[in-house]
Protein backbone atom coordinates (compact mmCIF):
# COMPACT_ATOMS: atom_id res chain seq x y z
CA MET A 1 0.00 0.00 0.00
CA THR A 2 2.89 2.34 0.77
CA ILE A 3 4.28 1.95 -2.75
CA LEU A 4 0.86 2.61 -4.29
CA ILE A 5 0.41 5.81 -2.26
CA THR A 6 3.94 6.89 -3.16
CA VAL A 7 3.42 6.29 -6.89
CA ALA A 8 0.04 8.07 -6.87
CA MET A 9 1.47 11.11 -5.08
CA LEU A 10 4.57 11.18 -7.30
CA THR A 11 2.37 10.98 -10.39
CA ALA A 12 0.27 13.94 -9.25
CA SER A 13 3.44 15.79 -8.30
CA ASN A 14 4.93 15.06 -11.70
CA VAL A 15 1.95 16.54 -13.51
CA PHE A 16 2.63 19.82 -11.71
CA MET A 17 6.37 19.49 -12.33
CA THR A 18 5.93 18.88 -16.04
CA PHE A 19 3.70 21.92 -16.43
CA ALA A 20 6.08 24.03 -14.32
CA TRP A 21 9.10 22.98 -16.38
CA TYR A 22 7.62 22.90 -19.88
CA GLY A 23 4.10 24.39 -19.93
CA HIS A 24 5.44 27.93 -20.25
CA LEU A 25 6.97 26.99 -23.62
CA ARG A 26 3.46 26.81 -25.03
CA ASN A 27 1.54 29.25 -22.84
CA LEU A 28 4.02 32.03 -22.09
CA SER A 29 6.40 31.94 -25.04
CA GLY A 30 5.71 35.57 -25.85
CA ARG A 31 6.22 36.77 -22.29
CA PRO A 32 9.51 37.72 -20.58
CA TRP A 33 11.41 34.81 -19.05
CA PHE A 34 11.00 36.16 -15.50
CA MET A 35 7.22 36.03 -15.85
CA ALA A 36 7.45 32.40 -17.00
CA ALA A 37 9.80 31.66 -14.08
CA THR A 38 7.40 33.22 -11.58
CA VAL A 39 4.45 31.24 -12.91
CA SER A 40 6.56 28.07 -12.95
CA TRP A 41 7.63 28.61 -9.34
CA GLY A 42 3.99 28.99 -8.36
CA ILE A 43 3.13 25.69 -10.05
CA ALA A 44 6.22 24.02 -8.56
CA PHE A 45 4.98 24.90 -5.07
CA PHE A 46 2.13 22.43 -5.56
CA GLU A 47 4.56 19.88 -6.95
CA TYR A 48 6.60 20.03 -3.76
CA LEU A 49 3.49 19.78 -1.57
CA LEU A 50 3.04 16.30 -3.06
CA GLN A 51 6.61 15.25 -3.88
CA VAL A 52 8.20 15.78 -0.46
CA PRO A 53 5.61 13.75 1.49
CA ALA A 54 5.56 11.11 -1.28
CA ASN A 55 9.30 10.59 -0.94
CA ARG A 56 9.05 10.45 2.86
CA ILE A 57 6.26 7.89 2.68
CA GLY A 58 8.08 5.85 0.05
CA PHE A 59 11.36 5.90 1.97
CA ARG A 60 9.67 3.93 4.75
CA THR A 61 9.76 0.77 2.62
CA LEU A 62 11.94 1.60 -0.38
CA ASP A 63 15.62 2.35 -0.49
CA LEU A 64 16.80 5.57 -2.11
CA ALA A 65 17.76 4.00 -5.44
CA GLN A 66 14.36 2.29 -5.74
CA LEU A 67 12.61 5.56 -4.95
CA LYS A 68 14.64 7.35 -7.62
CA ILE A 69 13.90 4.75 -10.29
CA ILE A 70 10.19 4.93 -9.50
CA GLN A 71 10.41 8.71 -9.90
CA GLU A 72 12.07 8.34 -13.31
CA VAL A 73 9.41 5.89 -14.52
CA VAL A 74 6.68 8.22 -13.30
CA THR A 75 8.40 11.17 -14.99
CA LEU A 76 8.49 9.45 -18.37
CA SER A 77 4.93 8.15 -17.92
CA VAL A 78 3.71 11.71 -17.38
CA PHE A 79 6.03 13.42 -19.85
CA VAL A 80 5.21 11.36 -22.95
CA PRO A 81 1.44 12.04 -22.90
CA PHE A 82 2.16 15.68 -22.02
CA ALA A 83 4.55 16.03 -24.97
CA VAL A 84 2.25 14.28 -27.43
CA PHE A 85 -1.17 15.56 -26.40
CA TYR A 86 -0.49 18.95 -24.82
CA MET A 87 2.64 20.14 -26.61
CA LYS A 88 1.61 18.45 -29.89
CA GLU A 89 5.00 16.77 -30.32
CA ARG A 90 5.22 13.94 -32.80
CA PRO A 91 5.34 10.55 -31.03
CA ARG A 92 8.75 8.96 -31.48
CA LEU A 93 10.02 5.45 -31.20
CA ASP A 94 12.63 6.82 -28.79
CA PHE A 95 9.87 7.15 -26.18
CA LEU A 96 9.41 3.38 -26.38
CA TRP A 97 13.16 2.70 -26.14
CA ALA A 98 13.48 5.00 -23.13
CA GLY A 99 10.55 3.23 -21.50
CA LEU A 100 12.15 -0.17 -22.09
CA CYS A 101 15.41 1.05 -20.58
CA LEU A 102 13.51 2.26 -17.51
CA MET A 103 11.76 -1.10 -17.23
CA ALA A 104 15.19 -2.72 -17.16
CA ALA A 105 16.27 -0.24 -14.50
CA VAL A 106 13.20 -1.14 -12.42
CA TYR A 107 14.04 -4.81 -12.76
CA PHE A 108 17.60 -4.31 -11.55
CA MET A 109 16.61 -2.01 -8.69
CA PHE A 110 13.90 -4.31 -7.35
CA ARG A 111 15.42 -7.75 -7.90
CA ARG A 112 16.74 -9.45 -4.85
CA SER A 113 20.44 -10.15 -5.21
């Protein structure tokens, strides 16, 4: 249950993070950079309200490397739909290859040696 809560909170956090990091490229491209930075910081505040407790909850049962790999998988899982559907980027086969590499990383981080 702890892992499920962690993943759910990290996913929600990552939605905010992705918009904070990249949303301004679509929405504020004609505005000065400091305005985009200010808006991004405001969005990032909500990211941190979810990300910090998610990492603390996850660290109860996961080691740091496992927590980081989960974060990377969540990041790619949020970023690809954001890039394709919101930013109108062309889907690329590289998204699949990156996902497969992350699946291998998950395997190695969670296998019992």
